[in-house]
Protein backbone atom coordinates (compact mmCIF):
# COMPACT_ATOMS: atom_id res chain seq x y z
CA MET A 1 -11.97 6.24 9.10
CA THR A 2 -8.48 7.13 8.83
CA PRO A 3 -6.41 8.33 11.99
CA ALA A 4 -5.40 11.93 9.12
CA ILE A 5 -8.07 12.18 8.20
CA THR A 6 -9.55 12.09 12.11
CA LEU A 7 -6.54 14.55 12.63
CA TRP A 8 -7.63 16.82 9.15
CA LEU A 9 -11.42 17.20 10.44
CA ALA A 10 -10.42 17.83 14.23
CA PHE A 11 -8.83 21.20 13.21
CA VAL A 12 -10.62 22.36 11.05
CA LEU A 13 -13.15 22.56 13.24
CA ALA A 14 -11.23 23.39 15.72
CA ALA A 15 -9.55 26.27 14.26
CA GLY A 16 -13.64 27.05 12.35
CA ILE A 17 -15.28 27.72 15.66
CA ILE A 18 -11.47 29.49 16.63
CA CYS A 19 -12.26 32.22 13.23
CA TRP A 20 -15.89 32.43 14.00
CA THR A 21 -16.05 33.25 17.72
CA ALA A 22 -13.40 35.53 17.39
CA ASN A 23 -16.19 37.38 15.20
CA ASN A 24 -14.04 37.52 11.47
CA LYS A 25 -15.83 36.51 9.50
CA ARG A 26 -13.46 37.54 7.10
CA GLN A 27 -10.79 34.84 8.29
CA ALA A 28 -12.78 33.08 8.86
CA VAL A 29 -14.23 32.50 5.22
CA ALA A 30 -10.38 32.02 4.49
CA PHE A 31 -10.26 29.77 6.78
CA LEU A 32 -12.67 27.86 5.18
CA MET A 33 -11.27 28.46 2.19
CA VAL A 34 -7.80 27.26 2.76
CA ALA A 35 -9.15 23.72 4.48
CA LEU A 36 -11.23 22.85 1.66
CA ALA A 37 -7.36 23.46 -0.69
CA THR A 38 -5.91 21.03 2.27
CA ALA A 39 -8.62 17.92 2.12
CA PRO A 40 -6.80 15.75 -0.20
CA ALA A 41 -4.16 15.78 1.52
CA ALA A 42 -6.24 13.44 4.83
CA PHE A 43 -6.83 10.84 1.34
CA LEU A 44 -3.38 10.61 1.76
CA THR A 45 -2.09 7.15 2.70
CA LEU A 46 0.15 8.05 5.04
CA GLY A 47 1.77 4.50 6.04
CA HIS A 48 -1.82 3.62 6.36
CA ALA A 49 -3.48 1.79 3.81
CA ALA A 50 -4.90 2.78 0.92
CA PRO A 51 -9.04 3.06 1.51
CA TRP A 52 -9.02 2.57 -3.11
CA GLN A 53 -7.85 0.21 -5.24
CA PRO A 54 -5.32 -0.47 -7.15
CA ALA A 55 -5.96 0.83 -10.67
CA LYS A 56 -6.21 -1.52 -13.86
CA GLY A 57 -3.04 -2.90 -14.50
CA HIS A 58 0.23 -5.56 -14.24
CA TYR A 59 1.75 -5.40 -10.40
CA THR A 60 4.46 -7.31 -7.91
CA VAL A 61 3.68 -8.45 -4.60
CA LEU A 62 6.12 -7.38 -2.42
CA GLY A 63 3.62 -8.66 0.82
CA ALA A 64 1.02 -9.91 1.66
CA ARG A 65 -1.27 -10.33 4.87
CA ILE A 66 -4.93 -11.85 4.72
CA ASP A 67 -7.46 -11.39 7.70
CA VAL A 68 -10.62 -12.80 7.32
CA ASP A 69 -13.66 -11.52 7.08
CA GLU A 70 -12.08 -8.55 6.72
CA ALA A 71 -9.67 -7.22 4.06
CA ILE A 72 -6.58 -8.29 2.01
CA TYR A 73 -3.04 -5.58 3.00
CA VAL A 74 -0.70 -6.32 0.14
CA LEU A 75 2.07 -4.20 -0.40
CA LEU A 76 2.29 -3.65 -3.97
CA ASP A 77 5.89 -2.64 -6.72
CA ALA A 78 3.72 0.78 -8.20
CA ASP A 79 5.08 3.57 -10.20
CA PRO A 80 6.77 5.26 -8.52
CA ALA A 81 7.03 3.42 -5.91
CA PRO A 82 5.70 0.58 -4.09
CA ARG A 83 1.77 1.23 -2.17
CA PHE A 84 -0.07 -0.35 0.33
CA TYR A 85 -3.84 -1.61 -0.05
CA LYS A 86 -6.37 -3.21 1.75
CA LEU A 87 -8.19 -5.16 -0.06
CA PRO A 88 -12.39 -6.06 0.29
CA TYR A 89 -12.37 -9.58 1.25
CA SER A 90 -13.30 -12.69 -0.32
CA ALA A 91 -13.05 -15.87 0.45
CA GLN A 92 -12.32 -16.83 -3.36
CA GLN A 93 -9.56 -13.81 -3.75
CA ALA A 94 -7.95 -15.02 -0.37
CA ASN A 95 -7.31 -18.72 -1.75
CA SER A 96 -6.34 -17.70 -4.47
CA LEU A 97 -3.37 -15.64 -2.65
CA GLN A 98 -2.38 -17.55 -0.53
CA ASN A 99 -2.19 -20.32 -3.79
CA ALA A 100 0.03 -18.32 -5.48
CA LEU A 101 2.04 -17.69 -2.30
CA ASP A 102 2.86 -20.73 -0.98
CA THR A 103 3.68 -21.83 -5.12
CA ALA A 104 6.15 -19.27 -5.68
CA GLU A 105 7.40 -19.84 -2.04
CA ALA A 106 8.31 -23.32 -2.72
CA ASN A 107 9.38 -22.25 -6.60
CA GLY A 108 11.61 -19.06 -5.38
CA THR A 109 9.20 -16.95 -7.32
CA GLY A 110 6.56 -13.92 -7.56
CA VAL A 111 3.32 -13.82 -6.94
CA GLY A 112 1.76 -11.75 -9.05
CA LEU A 113 -1.08 -8.98 -9.52
CA THR A 114 -3.38 -8.78 -11.89
CA MET A 115 -6.55 -5.95 -11.65
CA ASP A 116 -9.71 -6.41 -14.22
CA GLY A 117 -11.80 -3.45 -12.98
CA ASP A 118 -13.05 -4.51 -9.09
CA ALA A 119 -12.31 -7.39 -10.02
CA ALA A 120 -7.99 -8.38 -8.73
CA GLY A 121 -6.72 -11.41 -9.86
CA PHE A 122 -3.80 -13.42 -8.21
CA ALA A 123 -0.56 -15.76 -9.99
CA GLU A 124 2.21 -16.84 -9.47
CA GLU A 125 4.59 -15.10 -11.26
CA GLY A 126 8.68 -16.18 -13.35
CA GLN A 127 12.06 -15.66 -11.27
CA ARG A 128 12.47 -12.05 -9.85
CA GLY A 129 16.43 -11.98 -11.03
CA GLY A 130 15.94 -13.20 -14.69
CA SER A 131 16.79 -16.67 -15.32
CA GLU A 132 20.55 -16.18 -14.61
CA VAL A 133 21.79 -18.67 -12.12
CA LYS A 134 24.27 -16.10 -8.92
CA GLN A 135 27.76 -18.44 -9.14
CA ALA A 136 29.20 -18.81 -6.10
CA GLU A 137 32.31 -17.12 -4.60
CA PRO A 138 35.70 -19.00 -4.68
CA GLN A 139 36.78 -18.86 -0.69
CA ALA A 140 39.85 -16.73 0.20
CA ILE A 141 42.93 -18.22 0.92
CA ILE A 142 44.35 -18.16 4.72
CA GLY A 143 47.46 -19.04 5.69
CA GLY A 144 48.42 -19.16 8.87
CA GLY A 145 52.00 -20.30 8.98
CA ASN A 146 55.34 -19.75 9.50
């Protein structure tokens, strides 16, 4: 269980016990309705990796960490904001991600993730900033004479 779910569950149990022992059954039923309505909020990521996989599509990998035999953590550039996901570990996906990261670093490019059902495919992407090469700015001339 994630800490958010654990905190929500502890709050619901504590408040439910208080309502029930106060012999106010109407309040206990109302609290149960509120607790059920707020349950989905406990599944928001709140700084933790989302426990579900991203939807089908193509994403840019902003960062990644591979924990061998545990999980693959990726920060994806999703719409409307980046999202942090925990993908199941497989040696094939870990090798694919590591190869794409190494190649992208050597070429100055990025890494992309393509989700197709439960399968995640990592590959090097083209240049992030487009093909335009930034020109060096001219140095300022600083004089110090009389």
